[in-house]
Amino acid sequence: MIYAVWLPLLVPFLAAPLARRGAEQLPPRVAAWSLTVLSGALALSATAALALLTLAGALRLPSVARFARLSPSLPDVGPPATVPAAVAAALALTALCALAARGVRRQVREVRRARRESGAVPGAGDLVVLPDERPDAYALPGRPGRIVVTSGMLRALDGREREALLAHERAHLAGRHHLFLVCAESAAVLHPALRSLREPLSFALERWADESAARATGDRAFTARAVGRAALAARSVRGPGPGPRRPRLALGATAGPVPRRVSALLAGAPRTRAPLSRVLACLLLASVALSAAAALDAATDLHTGVEIAQGERPPSPPADDD
């Protein structure tokens, strides 16, 4: 356990740069799923490693050892290095879990507040038009999901461009893209190396919605023009007051690096770039497997040590020198 328990904490520093590079080689939908699953798996493995370090250190406390019925003649259920590491692991685990929970609660409060504000405005179906001159549009998650558009954005676009914009926002709701963001934000809190995956994930989600809008309109060039015009309108028009408060989980067509998204739409349907994508995919799968296997091995090692200290399993005989 002394070596295996550290691997889940170190692997994300190697896997995150590879994941950023690999996401560029994949279609948007595949990239979004890959980044989300990768960040979630690595964050869970790292959190499990911190929990194992904390538990191994706690078992060395006399009160905990008596409660667990550990034999006084076999007090060491883990490596000696666990004692100083356990204190730091316990503090880090407590702080990170508290921050992750607070972040989720804040996001939920923002969505609820936005839904109350949009619910006070008459709408048609899933569309809510806010009386605000600042051009803005975003997909507001919930049951049912809503598309919030300001009157300023509607005036900035013509009829067909509005259809493309609404198709983009409906793609966010249909794909439940806010759940991808929740996973990525929580993973970024639980391990600092995973923070670098939030930006490529947001870009992949916007590109995913762009492709859905292009299929809905049947014209990639027109969709690219609609996205560009909406982004220009949102950035150029300023009005008095604070403007509408968009929740962090509310994705919109004007977010992210719009020039890159427009270029991708004009370049044609996305395709997987082999063989580089296959090599990166294998490396990322290997990193996830290594991280999960190391956490499982550390847990098994700790469990075996506890059973020995409880007298439920005899100690392993020493290896012969010859």
C-alpha atoms as a PDB file:
ATOM      1  CA  MET A   1       0.000   0.000   0.000  1.00  0.00           C
ATOM      2  CA  ILE A   2       2.877   2.380   0.665  1.00  0.00           C
ATOM      3  CA  TYR A   3       3.478   2.682  -3.076  1.00  0.00           C
ATOM      4  CA  ALA A   4       0.101   1.812  -4.627  1.00  0.00           C
ATOM      5  CA  VAL A   5      -1.835   4.383  -2.612  1.00  0.00           C
ATOM      6  CA  TRP A   6       0.172   7.265  -4.097  1.00  0.00           C
ATOM      7  CA  LEU A   7      -0.423   6.377  -7.747  1.00  0.00           C
ATOM      8  CA  PRO A   8      -4.029   7.682  -7.939  1.00  0.00           C
ATOM      9  CA  LEU A   9      -2.753  11.019  -6.629  1.00  0.00           C
ATOM     10  CA  LEU A  10       0.037  11.242  -9.228  1.00  0.00           C
ATOM     11  CA  VAL A  11      -1.578   9.790 -12.363  1.00  0.00           C
ATOM     12  CA  PRO A  12      -3.857  12.830 -13.071  1.00  0.00           C
ATOM     13  CA  PHE A  13      -0.798  15.051 -13.550  1.00  0.00           C
ATOM     14  CA  LEU A  14       0.162  12.854 -16.522  1.00  0.00           C
ATOM     15  CA  ALA A  15      -3.319  12.039 -17.794  1.00  0.00           C
ATOM     16  CA  ALA A  16      -4.718  15.599 -17.922  1.00  0.00           C
ATOM     17  CA  PRO A  17      -2.286  16.928 -20.586  1.00  0.00           C
ATOM     18  CA  LEU A  18      -2.853  13.788 -22.664  1.00  0.00           C
ATOM     19  CA  ALA A  19      -6.612  14.222 -22.370  1.00  0.00           C
ATOM     20  CA  ARG A  20      -6.431  17.842 -23.547  1.00  0.00           C
ATOM     21  CA  ARG A  21      -4.437  16.745 -26.588  1.00  0.00           C
ATOM     22  CA  GLY A  22      -6.686  13.790 -27.276  1.00  0.00           C
ATOM     23  CA  ALA A  23      -9.906  15.817 -27.103  1.00  0.00           C
ATOM     24  CA  GLU A  24      -8.753  17.815 -30.123  1.00  0.00           C
ATOM     25  CA  GLN A  25      -8.596  14.630 -32.199  1.00  0.00           C
ATOM     26  CA  LEU A  26     -12.129  13.431 -31.440  1.00  0.00           C
ATOM     27  CA  PRO A  27     -15.639  14.434 -32.538  1.00  0.00           C
ATOM     28  CA  PRO A  28     -17.277  16.800 -30.013  1.00  0.00           C
ATOM     29  CA  ARG A  29     -19.699  14.275 -28.529  1.00  0.00           C
ATOM     30  CA  VAL A  30     -17.019  11.622 -28.055  1.00  0.00           C
ATOM     31  CA  ALA A  31     -14.616  14.208 -26.645  1.00  0.00           C
ATOM     32  CA  ALA A  32     -17.187  15.433 -24.107  1.00  0.00           C
ATOM     33  CA  TRP A  33     -17.963  11.928 -22.880  1.00  0.00           C
ATOM     34  CA  SER A  34     -14.281  10.966 -22.757  1.00  0.00           C
ATOM     35  CA  LEU A  35     -13.238  14.034 -20.761  1.00  0.00           C
ATOM     36  CA  THR A  36     -16.121  13.648 -18.329  1.00  0.00           C
ATOM     37  CA  VAL A  37     -15.578   9.937 -17.678  1.00  0.00           C
ATOM     38  CA  LEU A  38     -11.826  10.417 -17.387  1.00  0.00           C
ATOM     39  CA  SER A  39     -12.032  13.317 -14.934  1.00  0.00           C
ATOM     40  CA  GLY A  40     -14.679  11.550 -12.845  1.00  0.00           C
ATOM     41  CA  ALA A  41     -12.753   8.264 -12.656  1.00  0.00           C
ATOM     42  CA  LEU A  42      -9.458   9.922 -11.770  1.00  0.00           C
ATOM     43  CA  ALA A  43     -11.075  12.170  -9.161  1.00  0.00           C
ATOM     44  CA  LEU A  44     -12.810   9.218  -7.500  1.00  0.00           C
ATOM     45  CA  SER A  45      -9.582   7.194  -7.443  1.00  0.00           C
ATOM     46  CA  ALA A  46      -7.651  10.099  -5.919  1.00  0.00           C
ATOM     47  CA  THR A  47     -10.368  10.630  -3.296  1.00  0.00           C
ATOM     48  CA  ALA A  48     -10.304   6.924  -2.450  1.00  0.00           C
ATOM     49  CA  ALA A  49      -6.520   7.107  -2.005  1.00  0.00           C
ATOM     50  CA  LEU A  50      -6.881   9.978   0.465  1.00  0.00           C
ATOM     51  CA  ALA A  51      -9.561   8.040   2.348  1.00  0.00           C
ATOM     52  CA  LEU A  52      -7.317   4.974   2.558  1.00  0.00           C
ATOM     53  CA  LEU A  53      -4.426   7.020   3.896  1.00  0.00           C
ATOM     54  CA  THR A  54      -6.726   8.581   6.473  1.00  0.00           C
ATOM     55  CA  LEU A  55      -8.146   5.223   7.558  1.00  0.00           C
ATOM     56  CA  ALA A  56      -4.737   3.585   7.813  1.00  0.00           C
ATOM     57  CA  GLY A  57      -3.547   6.389  10.066  1.00  0.00           C
ATOM     58  CA  ALA A  58      -6.711   6.324  12.171  1.00  0.00           C
ATOM     59  CA  LEU A  59      -6.250   2.601  12.849  1.00  0.00           C
ATOM     60  CA  ARG A  60      -2.982   3.430  14.602  1.00  0.00           C
ATOM     61  CA  LEU A  61      -4.795   5.441  17.261  1.00  0.00           C
ATOM     62  CA  PRO A  62      -5.257   3.335  20.418  1.00  0.00           C
ATOM     63  CA  SER A  63      -8.954   4.174  20.761  1.00  0.00           C
ATOM     64  CA  VAL A  64      -9.676   3.278  17.129  1.00  0.00           C
ATOM     65  CA  ALA A  65      -7.555   0.118  17.370  1.00  0.00           C
ATOM     66  CA  ARG A  66      -9.541  -1.031  20.423  1.00  0.00           C
ATOM     67  CA  PHE A  67     -12.835  -0.266  18.677  1.00  0.00           C
ATOM     68  CA  ALA A  68     -11.700  -2.294  15.644  1.00  0.00           C
ATOM     69  CA  ARG A  69     -10.511  -5.110  17.944  1.00  0.00           C
ATOM     70  CA  LEU A  70      -6.963  -5.000  16.636  1.00  0.00           C
ATOM     71  CA  SER A  71      -4.387  -7.122  18.412  1.00  0.00           C
ATOM     72  CA  PRO A  72      -1.895  -5.047  20.476  1.00  0.00           C
ATOM     73  CA  SER A  73       0.861  -7.384  19.344  1.00  0.00           C
ATOM     74  CA  LEU A  74       0.194  -6.506  15.714  1.00  0.00           C
ATOM     75  CA  PRO A  75      -0.463  -2.754  15.741  1.00  0.00           C
ATOM     76  CA  ASP A  76       0.878  -1.965  12.279  1.00  0.00           C
ATOM     77  CA  VAL A  77      -1.848  -2.515   9.680  1.00  0.00           C
ATOM     78  CA  GLY A  78      -0.073  -0.352   7.154  1.00  0.00           C
ATOM     79  CA  PRO A  79       3.369   1.027   6.355  1.00  0.00           C
ATOM     80  CA  PRO A  80       5.096   3.366   8.829  1.00  0.00           C
ATOM     81  CA  ALA A  81       4.877   6.249   6.350  1.00  0.00           C
ATOM     82  CA  THR A  82       1.096   6.250   6.859  1.00  0.00           C
ATOM     83  CA  VAL A  83       1.290   8.120  10.182  1.00  0.00           C
ATOM     84  CA  PRO A  84       2.466  11.550   8.939  1.00  0.00           C
ATOM     85  CA  ALA A  85       0.651  11.145   5.629  1.00  0.00           C
ATOM     86  CA  ALA A  86      -2.646  10.333   7.317  1.00  0.00           C
ATOM     87  CA  VAL A  87      -2.917  13.729   9.005  1.00  0.00           C
ATOM     88  CA  ALA A  88      -2.344  15.593   5.743  1.00  0.00           C
ATOM     89  CA  ALA A  89      -4.672  13.210   3.889  1.00  0.00           C
ATOM     90  CA  ALA A  90      -7.442  13.691   6.455  1.00  0.00           C
ATOM     91  CA  LEU A  91      -7.194  17.466   6.262  1.00  0.00           C
ATOM     92  CA  ALA A  92      -7.101  17.433   2.446  1.00  0.00           C
ATOM     93  CA  LEU A  93      -9.993  14.963   2.192  1.00  0.00           C
ATOM     94  CA  THR A  94     -12.178  17.005   4.528  1.00  0.00           C
ATOM     95  CA  ALA A  95     -11.407  20.303   2.824  1.00  0.00           C
ATOM     96  CA  LEU A  96     -11.816  19.019  -0.748  1.00  0.00           C
ATOM     97  CA  CYS A  97     -15.080  17.201  -0.079  1.00  0.00           C
ATOM     98  CA  ALA A  98     -16.456  20.284   1.666  1.00  0.00           C
ATOM     99  CA  LEU A  99     -15.459  22.508  -1.255  1.00  0.00           C
ATOM    100  CA  ALA A 100     -16.978  20.106  -3.785  1.00  0.00           C
ATOM    101  CA  ALA A 101     -20.254  19.928  -1.851  1.00  0.00           C
ATOM    102  CA  ARG A 102     -20.362  23.713  -1.485  1.00  0.00           C
ATOM    103  CA  GLY A 103     -19.771  24.128  -5.220  1.00  0.00           C
ATOM    104  CA  VAL A 104     -22.645  21.814  -6.104  1.00  0.00           C
ATOM    105  CA  ARG A 105     -24.960  23.584  -3.669  1.00  0.00           C
ATOM    106  CA  ARG A 106     -24.011  26.964  -5.145  1.00  0.00           C
ATOM    107  CA  GLN A 107     -24.732  25.742  -8.666  1.00  0.00           C
ATOM    108  CA  VAL A 108     -28.114  24.355  -7.625  1.00  0.00           C
ATOM    109  CA  ARG A 109     -29.026  27.651  -5.923  1.00  0.00           C
ATOM    110  CA  GLU A 110     -28.078  29.605  -9.046  1.00  0.00           C
ATOM    111  CA  VAL A 111     -30.263  27.397 -11.247  1.00  0.00           C
ATOM    112  CA  ARG A 112     -33.204  27.644  -8.858  1.00  0.00           C
ATOM    113  CA  ARG A 113     -32.879  31.422  -8.694  1.00  0.00           C
ATOM    114  CA  ALA A 114     -32.740  31.687 -12.491  1.00  0.00           C
ATOM    115  CA  ARG A 115     -35.764  29.414 -12.842  1.00  0.00           C
ATOM    116  CA  ARG A 116     -37.754  31.577 -10.415  1.00  0.00           C
ATOM    117  CA  GLU A 117     -36.827  34.705 -12.345  1.00  0.00           C
ATOM    118  CA  SER A 118     -37.633  33.152 -15.722  1.00  0.00           C
ATOM    119  CA  GLY A 119     -40.854  31.640 -14.374  1.00  0.00           C
ATOM    120  CA  ALA A 120     -42.124  35.140 -13.600  1.00  0.00           C
ATOM    121  CA  VAL A 121     -41.925  36.012 -17.305  1.00  0.00           C
ATOM    122  CA  PRO A 122     -44.592  34.706 -19.734  1.00  0.00           C
ATOM    123  CA  GLY A 123     -43.206  32.200 -22.230  1.00  0.00           C
ATOM    124  CA  ALA A 124     -44.218  29.923 -25.060  1.00  0.00           C
ATOM    125  CA  GLY A 125     -43.417  26.259 -24.510  1.00  0.00           C
ATOM    126  CA  ASP A 126     -39.768  25.883 -23.485  1.00  0.00           C
ATOM    127  CA  LEU A 127     -38.909  29.442 -24.607  1.00  0.00           C
ATOM    128  CA  VAL A 128     -38.743  32.363 -22.162  1.00  0.00           C
ATOM    129  CA  VAL A 129     -38.019  35.883 -23.451  1.00  0.00           C
ATOM    130  CA  LEU A 130     -36.542  38.275 -20.902  1.00  0.00           C
ATOM    131  CA  PRO A 131     -37.232  41.986 -21.487  1.00  0.00           C
ATOM    132  CA  ASP A 132     -33.582  43.045 -21.599  1.00  0.00           C
ATOM    133  CA  GLU A 133     -31.699  44.962 -24.275  1.00  0.00           C
ATOM    134  CA  ARG A 134     -28.479  43.009 -23.725  1.00  0.00           C
ATOM    135  CA  PRO A 135     -28.261  40.167 -26.251  1.00  0.00           C
ATOM    136  CA  ASP A 136     -28.016  36.847 -24.449  1.00  0.00           C
ATOM    137  CA  ALA A 137     -29.329  33.306 -24.744  1.00  0.00           C
ATOM    138  CA  TYR A 138     -28.718  30.147 -22.730  1.00  0.00           C
ATOM    139  CA  ALA A 139     -30.155  26.748 -21.857  1.00  0.00           C
ATOM    140  CA  LEU A 140     -31.499  26.635 -18.309  1.00  0.00           C
ATOM    141  CA  PRO A 141     -31.518  23.067 -16.905  1.00  0.00           C
ATOM    142  CA  GLY A 142     -34.343  21.683 -14.825  1.00  0.00           C
ATOM    143  CA  ARG A 143     -37.667  19.929 -15.233  1.00  0.00           C
ATOM    144  CA  PRO A 144     -38.705  21.036 -17.715  1.00  0.00           C
ATOM    145  CA  GLY A 145     -35.656  22.637 -19.276  1.00  0.00           C
ATOM    146  CA  ARG A 146     -36.047  26.171 -20.571  1.00  0.00           C
ATOM    147  CA  ILE A 147     -34.383  28.287 -23.217  1.00  0.00           C
ATOM    148  CA  VAL A 148     -33.888  31.821 -21.955  1.00  0.00           C
ATOM    149  CA  VAL A 149     -33.428  34.530 -24.593  1.00  0.00           C
ATOM    150  CA  THR A 150     -33.360  38.270 -24.131  1.00  0.00           C
ATOM    151  CA  SER A 151     -35.346  40.609 -26.353  1.00  0.00           C
ATOM    152  CA  GLY A 152     -32.054  42.217 -27.371  1.00  0.00           C
ATOM    153  CA  MET A 153     -30.793  38.911 -28.795  1.00  0.00           C
ATOM    154  CA  LEU A 154     -34.006  38.332 -30.732  1.00  0.00           C
ATOM    155  CA  ARG A 155     -33.715  41.784 -32.320  1.00  0.00           C
ATOM    156  CA  ALA A 156     -30.075  41.145 -33.265  1.00  0.00           C
ATOM    157  CA  LEU A 157     -30.924  38.055 -35.361  1.00  0.00           C
ATOM    158  CA  ASP A 158     -33.280  37.378 -38.233  1.00  0.00           C
ATOM    159  CA  GLY A 159     -35.855  34.585 -38.300  1.00  0.00           C
ATOM    160  CA  ARG A 160     -33.622  31.757 -39.572  1.00  0.00           C
ATOM    161  CA  GLU A 161     -30.760  32.755 -37.318  1.00  0.00           C
ATOM    162  CA  ARG A 162     -33.089  32.582 -34.343  1.00  0.00           C
ATOM    163  CA  GLU A 163     -34.004  29.028 -35.338  1.00  0.00           C
ATOM    164  CA  ALA A 164     -30.343  28.047 -35.423  1.00  0.00           C
ATOM    165  CA  LEU A 165     -29.782  29.669 -32.024  1.00  0.00           C
ATOM    166  CA  LEU A 166     -32.747  27.858 -30.481  1.00  0.00           C
ATOM    167  CA  ALA A 167     -31.593  24.558 -32.007  1.00  0.00           C
ATOM    168  CA  HIS A 168     -28.215  25.053 -30.351  1.00  0.00           C
ATOM    169  CA  GLU A 169     -29.776  25.685 -26.944  1.00  0.00           C
ATOM    170  CA  ARG A 170     -32.193  22.756 -27.290  1.00  0.00           C
ATOM    171  CA  ALA A 171     -29.209  20.503 -27.981  1.00  0.00           C
ATOM    172  CA  HIS A 172     -27.754  21.516 -24.611  1.00  0.00           C
ATOM    173  CA  LEU A 173     -31.002  20.574 -22.887  1.00  0.00           C
ATOM    174  CA  ALA A 174     -31.485  17.330 -24.796  1.00  0.00           C
ATOM    175  CA  GLY A 175     -27.921  16.207 -24.107  1.00  0.00           C
ATOM    176  CA  ARG A 176     -28.156  17.215 -20.418  1.00  0.00           C
ATOM    177  CA  HIS A 177     -24.860  18.990 -20.814  1.00  0.00           C
ATOM    178  CA  HIS A 178     -25.130  20.618 -17.402  1.00  0.00           C
ATOM    179  CA  LEU A 179     -24.446  17.210 -15.806  1.00  0.00           C
ATOM    180  CA  PHE A 180     -21.140  17.035 -17.682  1.00  0.00           C
ATOM    181  CA  LEU A 181     -20.212  20.386 -16.191  1.00  0.00           C
ATOM    182  CA  VAL A 182     -21.165  19.299 -12.673  1.00  0.00           C
ATOM    183  CA  CYS A 183     -18.896  16.274 -12.958  1.00  0.00           C
ATOM    184  CA  ALA A 184     -16.006  18.309 -14.357  1.00  0.00           C
ATOM    185  CA  GLU A 185     -16.319  21.046 -11.742  1.00  0.00           C
ATOM    186  CA  SER A 186     -16.440  18.538  -8.893  1.00  0.00           C
ATOM    187  CA  ALA A 187     -13.451  16.620 -10.280  1.00  0.00           C
ATOM    188  CA  ALA A 188     -11.486  19.866 -10.619  1.00  0.00           C
ATOM    189  CA  VAL A 189     -12.067  20.584  -6.939  1.00  0.00           C
ATOM    190  CA  LEU A 190     -11.086  17.077  -5.822  1.00  0.00           C
ATOM    191  CA  HIS A 191      -7.794  17.084  -7.747  1.00  0.00           C
ATOM    192  CA  PRO A 192      -6.012  20.252  -8.944  1.00  0.00           C
ATOM    193  CA  ALA A 193      -4.535  18.600 -12.053  1.00  0.00           C
ATOM    194  CA  LEU A 194      -8.047  18.051 -13.427  1.00  0.00           C
ATOM    195  CA  ARG A 195      -8.828  21.771 -13.528  1.00  0.00           C
ATOM    196  CA  SER A 196      -7.201  21.975 -16.949  1.00  0.00           C
ATOM    197  CA  LEU A 197      -9.952  19.716 -18.372  1.00  0.00           C
ATOM    198  CA  ARG A 198     -12.787  22.162 -17.709  1.00  0.00           C
ATOM    199  CA  GLU A 199     -12.002  24.417 -20.676  1.00  0.00           C
ATOM    200  CA  PRO A 200     -11.732  21.653 -23.322  1.00  0.00           C
ATOM    201  CA  LEU A 201     -14.900  20.054 -21.955  1.00  0.00           C
ATOM    202  CA  SER A 202     -16.849  23.320 -22.240  1.00  0.00           C
ATOM    203  CA  PHE A 203     -15.561  23.730 -25.786  1.00  0.00           C
ATOM    204  CA  ALA A 204     -16.563  20.156 -26.682  1.00  0.00           C
ATOM    205  CA  LEU A 205     -20.072  20.717 -25.307  1.00  0.00           C
ATOM    206  CA  GLU A 206     -20.506  23.896 -27.340  1.00  0.00           C
ATOM    207  CA  ARG A 207     -19.211  22.138 -30.444  1.00  0.00           C
ATOM    208  CA  TRP A 208     -21.611  19.254 -29.768  1.00  0.00           C
ATOM    209  CA  ALA A 209     -24.508  21.717 -29.702  1.00  0.00           C
ATOM    210  CA  ASP A 210     -23.171  23.468 -32.830  1.00  0.00           C
ATOM    211  CA  GLU A 211     -23.206  20.182 -34.733  1.00  0.00           C
ATOM    212  CA  SER A 212     -26.749  19.443 -33.564  1.00  0.00           C
ATOM    213  CA  ALA A 213     -27.872  22.888 -34.720  1.00  0.00           C
ATOM    214  CA  ALA A 214     -26.175  22.353 -38.082  1.00  0.00           C
ATOM    215  CA  ARG A 215     -28.064  19.092 -38.569  1.00  0.00           C
ATOM    216  CA  ALA A 216     -31.336  20.759 -37.544  1.00  0.00           C
ATOM    217  CA  THR A 217     -30.932  23.629 -40.012  1.00  0.00           C
ATOM    218  CA  GLY A 218     -29.323  21.522 -42.722  1.00  0.00           C
ATOM    219  CA  ASP A 219     -26.782  24.252 -43.471  1.00  0.00           C
ATOM    220  CA  ARG A 220     -23.410  24.319 -41.722  1.00  0.00           C
ATOM    221  CA  ALA A 221     -22.352  27.672 -43.183  1.00  0.00           C
ATOM    222  CA  PHE A 222     -25.581  29.331 -42.125  1.00  0.00           C
ATOM    223  CA  THR A 223     -25.295  27.887 -38.608  1.00  0.00           C
ATOM    224  CA  ALA A 224     -21.741  29.187 -38.371  1.00  0.00           C
ATOM    225  CA  ARG A 225     -22.934  32.652 -39.421  1.00  0.00           C
ATOM    226  CA  ALA A 226     -25.767  32.577 -36.867  1.00  0.00           C
ATOM    227  CA  VAL A 227     -23.394  31.585 -34.062  1.00  0.00           C
ATOM    228  CA  GLY A 228     -20.955  34.304 -35.082  1.00  0.00           C
ATOM    229  CA  ARG A 229     -23.612  37.005 -35.266  1.00  0.00           C
ATOM    230  CA  ALA A 230     -25.061  36.025 -31.886  1.00  0.00           C
ATOM    231  CA  ALA A 231     -21.600  36.164 -30.294  1.00  0.00           C
ATOM    232  CA  LEU A 232     -20.806  39.532 -31.864  1.00  0.00           C
ATOM    233  CA  ALA A 233     -24.117  40.947 -30.676  1.00  0.00           C
ATOM    234  CA  ALA A 234     -23.525  39.687 -27.132  1.00  0.00           C
ATOM    235  CA  ARG A 235     -20.061  41.252 -27.007  1.00  0.00           C
ATOM    236  CA  SER A 236     -20.783  44.564 -28.702  1.00  0.00           C
ATOM    237  CA  VAL A 237     -23.991  45.766 -27.069  1.00  0.00           C
ATOM    238  CA  ARG A 238     -23.779  47.173 -23.545  1.00  0.00           C
ATOM    239  CA  GLY A 239     -26.623  48.521 -21.512  1.00  0.00           C
ATOM    240  CA  PRO A 240     -27.190  50.060 -18.087  1.00  0.00           C
ATOM    241  CA  GLY A 241     -27.508  47.821 -15.052  1.00  0.00           C
ATOM    242  CA  PRO A 242     -26.034  44.431 -14.213  1.00  0.00           C
ATOM    243  CA  GLY A 243     -27.947  42.490 -16.851  1.00  0.00           C
ATOM    244  CA  PRO A 244     -29.331  38.947 -16.552  1.00  0.00           C
ATOM    245  CA  ARG A 245     -27.462  36.645 -14.191  1.00  0.00           C
ATOM    246  CA  ARG A 246     -26.600  33.446 -16.032  1.00  0.00           C
ATOM    247  CA  PRO A 247     -25.984  30.366 -13.841  1.00  0.00           C
ATOM    248  CA  ARG A 248     -22.659  28.586 -14.237  1.00  0.00           C
ATOM    249  CA  LEU A 249     -24.478  25.464 -15.458  1.00  0.00           C
ATOM    250  CA  ALA A 250     -26.364  27.378 -18.154  1.00  0.00           C
ATOM    251  CA  LEU A 251     -24.588  26.828 -21.463  1.00  0.00           C
ATOM    252  CA  GLY A 252     -25.107  29.226 -24.352  1.00  0.00           C
ATOM    253  CA  ALA A 253     -24.231  29.656 -28.019  1.00  0.00           C
ATOM    254  CA  THR A 254     -22.139  32.773 -27.336  1.00  0.00           C
ATOM    255  CA  ALA A 255     -19.755  31.068 -24.897  1.00  0.00           C
ATOM    256  CA  GLY A 256     -16.210  29.878 -25.457  1.00  0.00           C
ATOM    257  CA  PRO A 257     -13.822  30.541 -28.356  1.00  0.00           C
ATOM    258  CA  VAL A 258     -16.441  31.361 -31.000  1.00  0.00           C
ATOM    259  CA  PRO A 259     -13.942  31.841 -33.891  1.00  0.00           C
ATOM    260  CA  ARG A 260     -12.691  28.277 -33.388  1.00  0.00           C
ATOM    261  CA  ARG A 261     -16.245  26.976 -33.316  1.00  0.00           C
ATOM    262  CA  VAL A 262     -17.149  28.863 -36.490  1.00  0.00           C
ATOM    263  CA  SER A 263     -14.043  27.538 -38.254  1.00  0.00           C
ATOM    264  CA  ALA A 264     -14.892  23.989 -37.183  1.00  0.00           C
ATOM    265  CA  LEU A 265     -18.418  24.320 -38.591  1.00  0.00           C
ATOM    266  CA  LEU A 266     -17.100  25.621 -41.894  1.00  0.00           C
ATOM    267  CA  ALA A 267     -14.482  22.842 -42.078  1.00  0.00           C
ATOM    268  CA  GLY A 268     -17.061  20.089 -42.455  1.00  0.00           C
ATOM    269  CA  ALA A 269     -18.393  17.251 -40.339  1.00  0.00           C
ATOM    270  CA  PRO A 270     -15.993  16.252 -37.543  1.00  0.00           C
ATOM    271  CA  ARG A 271     -14.050  13.015 -37.850  1.00  0.00           C
ATOM    272  CA  THR A 272     -11.755  11.040 -35.586  1.00  0.00           C
ATOM    273  CA  ARG A 273      -8.097  11.583 -36.425  1.00  0.00           C
ATOM    274  CA  ALA A 274      -6.332   8.238 -36.431  1.00  0.00           C
ATOM    275  CA  PRO A 275      -3.831   6.849 -35.527  1.00  0.00           C
ATOM    276  CA  LEU A 276      -2.863   9.564 -33.019  1.00  0.00           C
ATOM    277  CA  SER A 277      -6.268   9.446 -31.364  1.00  0.00           C
ATOM    278  CA  ARG A 278      -5.948   5.686 -30.885  1.00  0.00           C
ATOM    279  CA  VAL A 279      -2.557   6.030 -29.227  1.00  0.00           C
ATOM    280  CA  LEU A 280      -3.824   8.743 -26.897  1.00  0.00           C
ATOM    281  CA  ALA A 281      -6.959   6.742 -26.136  1.00  0.00           C
ATOM    282  CA  CYS A 282      -4.868   3.726 -25.145  1.00  0.00           C
ATOM    283  CA  LEU A 283      -2.679   5.870 -22.903  1.00  0.00           C
ATOM    284  CA  LEU A 284      -5.695   7.434 -21.211  1.00  0.00           C
ATOM    285  CA  LEU A 285      -7.382   4.078 -20.681  1.00  0.00           C
ATOM    286  CA  ALA A 286      -4.156   2.758 -19.218  1.00  0.00           C
ATOM    287  CA  SER A 287      -3.935   5.725 -16.836  1.00  0.00           C
ATOM    288  CA  VAL A 288      -7.511   5.206 -15.623  1.00  0.00           C
ATOM    289  CA  ALA A 289      -6.925   1.460 -15.202  1.00  0.00           C
ATOM    290  CA  LEU A 290      -3.662   2.067 -13.344  1.00  0.00           C
ATOM    291  CA  SER A 291      -5.241   4.609 -11.020  1.00  0.00           C
ATOM    292  CA  ALA A 292      -8.251   2.428 -10.224  1.00  0.00           C
ATOM    293  CA  ALA A 293      -6.160  -0.734  -9.841  1.00  0.00           C
ATOM    294  CA  ALA A 294      -3.720   1.023  -7.518  1.00  0.00           C
ATOM    295  CA  ALA A 295      -6.548   2.260  -5.296  1.00  0.00           C
ATOM    296  CA  LEU A 296      -8.065  -1.224  -5.215  1.00  0.00           C
ATOM    297  CA  ASP A 297      -4.692  -2.802  -4.416  1.00  0.00           C
ATOM    298  CA  ALA A 298      -4.140  -0.342  -1.573  1.00  0.00           C
ATOM    299  CA  ALA A 299      -7.609  -1.074  -0.197  1.00  0.00           C
ATOM    300  CA  THR A 300      -6.982  -4.818  -0.385  1.00  0.00           C
ATOM    301  CA  ASP A 301      -3.642  -4.430   1.358  1.00  0.00           C
ATOM    302  CA  LEU A 302      -5.203  -2.412   4.166  1.00  0.00           C
ATOM    303  CA  HIS A 303      -8.059  -4.894   4.556  1.00  0.00           C
ATOM    304  CA  THR A 304      -5.609  -7.785   4.787  1.00  0.00           C
ATOM    305  CA  GLY A 305      -3.598  -5.952   7.452  1.00  0.00           C
ATOM    306  CA  VAL A 306      -6.739  -5.339   9.489  1.00  0.00           C
ATOM    307  CA  GLU A 307      -7.744  -9.016   9.291  1.00  0.00           C
ATOM    308  CA  ILE A 308      -4.273 -10.041  10.479  1.00  0.00           C
ATOM    309  CA  ALA A 309      -4.383  -7.566  13.365  1.00  0.00           C
ATOM    310  CA  GLN A 310      -7.836  -8.844  14.317  1.00  0.00           C
ATOM    311  CA  GLY A 311      -6.575 -12.419  14.346  1.00  0.00           C
ATOM    312  CA  GLU A 312      -8.872 -13.491  11.515  1.00  0.00           C
ATOM    313  CA  ARG A 313      -5.937 -14.322   9.243  1.00  0.00           C
ATOM    314  CA  PRO A 314      -2.460 -15.566  10.159  1.00  0.00           C
ATOM    315  CA  PRO A 315       0.492 -13.359   9.219  1.00  0.00           C
ATOM    316  CA  SER A 316       2.226 -14.214   5.943  1.00  0.00           C
ATOM    317  CA  PRO A 317       5.362 -16.305   6.530  1.00  0.00           C
ATOM    318  CA  PRO A 318       8.639 -14.546   5.759  1.00  0.00           C
ATOM    319  CA  ALA A 319      10.181 -15.328   2.414  1.00  0.00           C
ATOM    320  CA  ASP A 320      13.156 -17.733   2.322  1.00  0.00           C
ATOM    321  CA  ASP A 321      16.491 -16.140   1.612  1.00  0.00           C
ATOM    322  CA  ASP A 322      17.534 -19.081  -0.566  1.00  0.00           C
END
